[in-house]
Protein backbone atom coordinates (compact mmCIF):
# COMPACT_ATOMS: atom_id res chain seq x y z
CA MET A 1 -47.61 28.69 -16.08
CA SER A 2 -44.96 31.02 -17.31
CA ALA A 3 -45.73 34.07 -19.42
CA HIS A 4 -44.20 32.60 -22.57
CA CYS A 5 -45.50 32.74 -26.17
CA GLN A 6 -45.49 29.42 -28.03
CA VAL A 7 -45.18 31.09 -31.45
CA THR A 8 -42.68 33.92 -31.01
CA GLY A 9 -40.94 32.77 -27.82
CA ARG A 10 -41.56 36.09 -26.11
CA ALA A 11 -40.87 35.91 -22.38
CA PRO A 12 -40.94 38.46 -19.57
CA GLY A 13 -38.40 41.27 -19.66
CA PHE A 14 -36.61 42.27 -16.48
CA GLY A 15 -35.32 45.59 -15.30
CA ASN A 16 -35.45 48.14 -12.52
CA ARG A 17 -38.26 50.19 -11.10
CA VAL A 18 -36.79 53.61 -10.35
CA SER A 19 -38.49 55.75 -7.72
CA HIS A 20 -38.46 59.52 -7.47
CA SER A 21 -35.59 59.26 -4.97
CA ASN A 22 -33.72 57.13 -7.56
CA ARG A 23 -33.94 53.89 -5.54
CA ARG A 24 -33.91 50.81 -7.76
CA THR A 25 -35.92 47.64 -7.22
CA ARG A 26 -36.34 44.75 -9.64
CA ARG A 27 -39.47 44.47 -11.79
CA ARG A 28 -40.68 42.51 -14.80
CA TRP A 29 -42.66 43.26 -17.93
CA ASN A 30 -44.95 40.38 -18.89
CA PRO A 31 -45.90 39.91 -22.54
CA ASN A 32 -49.60 40.09 -23.41
CA ILE A 33 -50.30 36.34 -23.42
CA GLN A 34 -53.72 35.10 -24.55
CA ILE A 35 -55.06 31.56 -24.81
CA LYS A 36 -56.50 31.21 -28.31
CA THR A 37 -58.27 28.31 -30.01
CA TYR A 38 -57.47 27.78 -33.68
CA TYR A 39 -59.04 25.34 -36.14
CA LEU A 40 -56.69 23.07 -38.12
CA PRO A 41 -58.55 22.09 -41.30
CA SER A 42 -55.92 19.50 -42.32
CA GLU A 43 -56.51 17.52 -39.10
CA ASP A 44 -60.16 18.58 -38.65
CA ARG A 45 -59.59 19.56 -35.01
CA ARG A 46 -59.06 22.58 -32.78
CA ILE A 47 -55.85 23.42 -30.96
CA ARG A 48 -55.27 25.78 -28.03
CA LEU A 49 -52.17 27.94 -28.09
CA ARG A 50 -50.71 30.35 -25.54
CA VAL A 51 -49.77 33.21 -27.85
CA SER A 52 -48.82 36.84 -27.44
CA THR A 53 -50.62 39.48 -29.47
CA LYS A 54 -47.53 39.62 -31.71
CA GLY A 55 -47.88 35.84 -32.16
CA MET A 56 -51.49 36.34 -33.29
CA LYS A 57 -50.25 38.72 -35.98
CA VAL A 58 -47.69 36.11 -37.09
CA ILE A 59 -50.46 33.50 -37.37
CA ASP A 60 -52.61 35.93 -39.36
CA ARG A 61 -49.68 36.65 -41.69
CA ASP A 62 -48.31 33.12 -42.21
CA GLY A 63 -51.39 30.98 -41.57
CA ILE A 64 -52.08 28.50 -38.80
CA GLU A 65 -50.89 25.48 -40.85
CA ALA A 66 -47.43 26.99 -41.43
CA VAL A 67 -47.07 28.05 -37.79
CA VAL A 68 -48.09 24.62 -36.46
CA GLY A 69 -45.64 22.97 -38.87
CA ARG A 70 -42.87 25.23 -37.59
CA LEU A 71 -43.76 24.44 -33.96
CA ARG A 72 -43.65 20.70 -34.65
CA ARG A 73 -40.27 20.98 -36.38
CA GLU A 74 -38.96 22.74 -33.25
CA GLY A 75 -40.18 19.80 -31.16
CA GLN A 76 -43.18 21.35 -29.46
CA LYS A 77 -46.22 19.16 -28.92
CA VAL A 78 -49.31 20.70 -30.54
């Protein structure tokens, strides 16, 4: 699975690793992706989301119902 947040859309960043001799090789920065289980009271069931830690803060701020509604409007299966 890719390192991709379902809520915020965060994906790996790419860049160069620069050595002491200034040689450049490609590298990537993965977001901090966690698999979290949330309870949806409106549907009386649990859902599992692959979210970044920033996505967890968004869920805490907006609420799980609003976030799931937004995901469904975007066409994601939840």
